[in-house]
Amino acid sequence: MSDTTATLAADEVVTNPARMPHPAFLLQGGFDALNAVHKAAGSVGLPDAIMHLVTLRASQINGCSWCSVEHSNQMREDGSSDERIFAVAAWRDAPHFTARERAALALTEAVTRLADTPDAVPDELWDEVTAQFDRKEIAALLFEIGLINVWNRINVAIRQPAGSR
């Protein structure tokens, strides 16, 4: 074993500091710019429950521990049961989501995984989304999905630990 490798007890929690201070706070106006996108998305009046579903699902896909914990907590604050929160990762097979929520989740997955298929947002999905949301609501969803992907990518790059600010 090298000097940099430690032996951990089986129940010991491993926490590592972030690689650097958060870029959103290092760059002047960085946080304000990201927050402005969030405010624009929120201006349409989509329920927080849908916005938090979107942000949790993208965060799960992107492996962002900080955002996964934060958005799970927000869902709990919205009144979601633990079963509903736990089921977000497997929403297609879970009975906890409305047609409107399912459309938002499907759009989130498609926009988060752009490179997975040649037609990232196929017409069938677009038709499902437009049947559930008006154009301004779709714009808000797209802003929020894009924004959470930015946050996820920054947090994953710097290894922002869950629960830290």
Protein backbone atom coordinates (compact mmCIF):
# COMPACT_ATOMS: atom_id res chain seq x y z
CA MET A 1 0.00 0.00 0.00
CA SER A 2 1.34 3.44 -0.93
CA ASP A 3 1.64 6.32 1.51
CA THR A 4 -1.28 8.09 -0.23
CA THR A 5 -3.68 5.16 0.16
CA ALA A 6 -5.50 4.91 3.47
CA THR A 7 -7.21 1.89 4.92
CA LEU A 8 -10.84 2.66 5.69
CA ALA A 9 -13.24 0.92 8.00
CA ALA A 10 -16.16 -0.66 6.17
CA ASP A 11 -18.61 1.90 7.55
CA GLU A 12 -16.36 4.95 7.21
CA VAL A 13 -17.76 7.67 4.94
CA VAL A 14 -15.31 9.03 2.41
CA THR A 15 -15.47 12.75 1.76
CA ASN A 16 -13.10 14.61 -0.48
CA PRO A 17 -12.96 18.33 -0.96
CA ALA A 18 -13.82 19.86 -4.31
CA ARG A 19 -10.86 20.30 -6.64
CA MET A 20 -11.29 24.07 -6.58
CA PRO A 21 -13.73 26.74 -5.43
CA HIS A 22 -16.93 26.66 -7.46
CA PRO A 23 -16.50 28.46 -10.82
CA ALA A 24 -19.94 30.08 -10.51
CA PHE A 25 -18.56 32.05 -7.57
CA LEU A 26 -15.04 32.57 -8.92
CA LEU A 27 -16.06 34.40 -12.09
CA GLN A 28 -17.59 37.78 -11.55
CA GLY A 29 -21.21 37.54 -12.60
CA GLY A 30 -21.05 33.76 -13.05
CA PHE A 31 -23.66 32.87 -10.46
CA ASP A 32 -25.82 35.83 -11.50
CA ALA A 33 -25.80 34.64 -15.13
CA LEU A 34 -26.84 31.11 -14.19
CA ASN A 35 -29.44 32.40 -11.76
CA ALA A 36 -30.89 34.65 -14.50
CA VAL A 37 -31.52 31.56 -16.67
CA HIS A 38 -33.22 29.87 -13.71
CA LYS A 39 -35.39 32.92 -13.09
CA ALA A 40 -36.38 33.07 -16.77
CA ALA A 41 -37.38 29.39 -16.65
CA GLY A 42 -39.34 30.01 -13.46
CA SER A 43 -41.19 32.99 -14.88
CA VAL A 44 -43.66 30.80 -16.77
CA GLY A 45 -45.18 29.28 -13.65
CA LEU A 46 -44.51 25.60 -14.17
CA PRO A 47 -44.97 23.77 -10.87
CA ASP A 48 -41.83 23.35 -8.77
CA ALA A 49 -42.62 19.63 -8.63
CA ILE A 50 -42.05 19.35 -12.40
CA MET A 51 -38.93 21.52 -12.36
CA HIS A 52 -37.45 19.48 -9.51
CA LEU A 53 -38.22 16.21 -11.33
CA VAL A 54 -36.35 17.54 -14.36
CA THR A 55 -33.34 18.68 -12.37
CA LEU A 56 -33.15 15.45 -10.36
CA ARG A 57 -33.36 13.22 -13.44
CA ALA A 58 -30.66 15.10 -15.37
CA SER A 59 -28.45 15.08 -12.27
CA GLN A 60 -28.85 11.32 -11.91
CA ILE A 61 -27.92 10.77 -15.55
CA ASN A 62 -24.88 13.04 -15.26
CA GLY A 63 -23.70 11.53 -11.97
CA CYS A 64 -23.81 14.84 -10.09
CA SER A 65 -23.95 13.88 -6.43
CA TRP A 66 -24.43 17.44 -5.18
CA CYS A 67 -27.42 18.10 -7.44
CA SER A 68 -28.92 14.63 -6.92
CA VAL A 69 -29.04 15.18 -3.17
CA GLU A 70 -30.19 18.81 -3.46
CA HIS A 71 -33.03 18.11 -5.90
CA SER A 72 -34.16 15.02 -3.96
CA ASN A 73 -34.46 17.26 -0.90
CA GLN A 74 -36.41 19.83 -2.93
CA MET A 75 -38.82 17.12 -4.07
CA ARG A 76 -39.33 16.09 -0.46
CA GLU A 77 -40.01 19.75 0.42
CA ASP A 78 -42.58 19.80 -2.42
CA GLY A 79 -44.37 16.96 -0.65
CA SER A 80 -43.08 14.02 -2.69
CA SER A 81 -42.93 10.67 -0.92
CA ASP A 82 -39.67 8.79 -0.63
CA GLU A 83 -41.10 6.16 -3.00
CA ARG A 84 -41.71 8.80 -5.66
CA ILE A 85 -38.23 10.30 -5.23
CA PHE A 86 -36.58 6.87 -5.35
CA ALA A 87 -38.56 6.00 -8.50
CA VAL A 88 -37.35 8.97 -10.57
CA ALA A 89 -34.42 6.94 -11.93
CA ALA A 90 -36.89 4.29 -13.17
CA TRP A 91 -39.86 6.55 -13.93
CA ARG A 92 -41.01 4.63 -17.02
CA ASP A 93 -41.92 1.60 -14.90
CA ALA A 94 -43.12 3.44 -11.79
CA PRO A 95 -46.76 4.37 -11.09
CA HIS A 96 -45.91 7.70 -9.44
CA PHE A 97 -45.88 10.09 -12.42
CA THR A 98 -48.54 11.85 -14.48
CA ALA A 99 -48.53 12.04 -18.27
CA ARG A 100 -47.29 15.63 -18.01
CA GLU A 101 -44.43 14.63 -15.70
CA ARG A 102 -43.54 11.70 -17.95
CA ALA A 103 -43.30 14.01 -20.95
CA ALA A 104 -41.00 16.35 -18.99
CA LEU A 105 -38.85 13.43 -17.85
CA ALA A 106 -38.59 12.01 -21.38
CA LEU A 107 -37.59 15.42 -22.74
CA THR A 108 -35.02 15.76 -19.95
CA GLU A 109 -33.44 12.43 -20.80
CA ALA A 110 -33.37 13.18 -24.52
CA VAL A 111 -31.83 16.64 -24.15
CA THR A 112 -29.34 15.43 -21.53
CA ARG A 113 -28.24 12.49 -23.71
CA LEU A 114 -28.00 14.32 -27.04
CA ALA A 115 -25.29 12.11 -28.51
CA ASP A 116 -26.98 8.79 -27.70
CA THR A 117 -29.15 8.73 -30.83
CA PRO A 118 -29.00 10.38 -34.27
CA ASP A 119 -32.33 12.14 -33.62
CA ALA A 120 -32.02 13.23 -30.00
CA VAL A 121 -35.56 14.61 -29.78
CA PRO A 122 -37.64 12.63 -32.26
CA ASP A 123 -40.97 13.91 -33.54
CA GLU A 124 -42.86 11.35 -31.45
CA LEU A 125 -41.33 12.75 -28.27
CA TRP A 126 -41.86 16.33 -29.42
CA ASP A 127 -45.53 15.54 -30.09
CA GLU A 128 -45.86 14.07 -26.59
CA VAL A 129 -44.28 17.19 -25.06
CA THR A 130 -46.42 19.63 -27.10
CA ALA A 131 -49.56 17.72 -26.08
CA GLN A 132 -48.72 18.40 -22.41
CA PHE A 133 -47.09 21.86 -22.46
CA ASP A 134 -47.54 25.13 -24.32
CA ARG A 135 -44.64 26.84 -26.10
CA LYS A 136 -43.63 29.02 -23.15
CA GLU A 137 -43.69 26.03 -20.83
CA ILE A 138 -41.54 24.07 -23.28
CA ALA A 139 -39.13 27.02 -23.45
CA ALA A 140 -38.97 27.02 -19.63
CA LEU A 141 -38.32 23.27 -19.56
CA LEU A 142 -35.57 23.60 -22.16
CA PHE A 143 -33.93 26.45 -20.21
CA GLU A 144 -34.09 24.45 -16.96
CA ILE A 145 -32.80 21.26 -18.60
CA GLY A 146 -29.94 23.16 -20.23
CA LEU A 147 -29.13 24.94 -16.99
CA ILE A 148 -29.07 21.81 -14.83
CA ASN A 149 -26.76 20.21 -17.37
CA VAL A 150 -24.39 23.20 -16.98
CA TRP A 151 -24.48 22.91 -13.18
CA ASN A 152 -23.97 19.13 -13.38
CA ARG A 153 -20.99 19.41 -15.69
CA ILE A 154 -19.29 22.04 -13.54
CA ASN A 155 -19.95 20.10 -10.32
CA VAL A 156 -18.74 16.80 -11.78
CA ALA A 157 -15.59 18.43 -13.22
CA ILE A 158 -14.60 19.95 -9.87
CA ARG A 159 -15.94 16.99 -7.87
CA GLN A 160 -18.24 19.15 -5.80
CA PRO A 161 -19.18 16.92 -2.85
CA ALA A 162 -22.82 16.35 -2.04
CA GLY A 163 -24.06 18.43 0.84
CA SER A 164 -21.32 21.08 0.66
CA ARG A 165 -21.77 24.67 -0.37
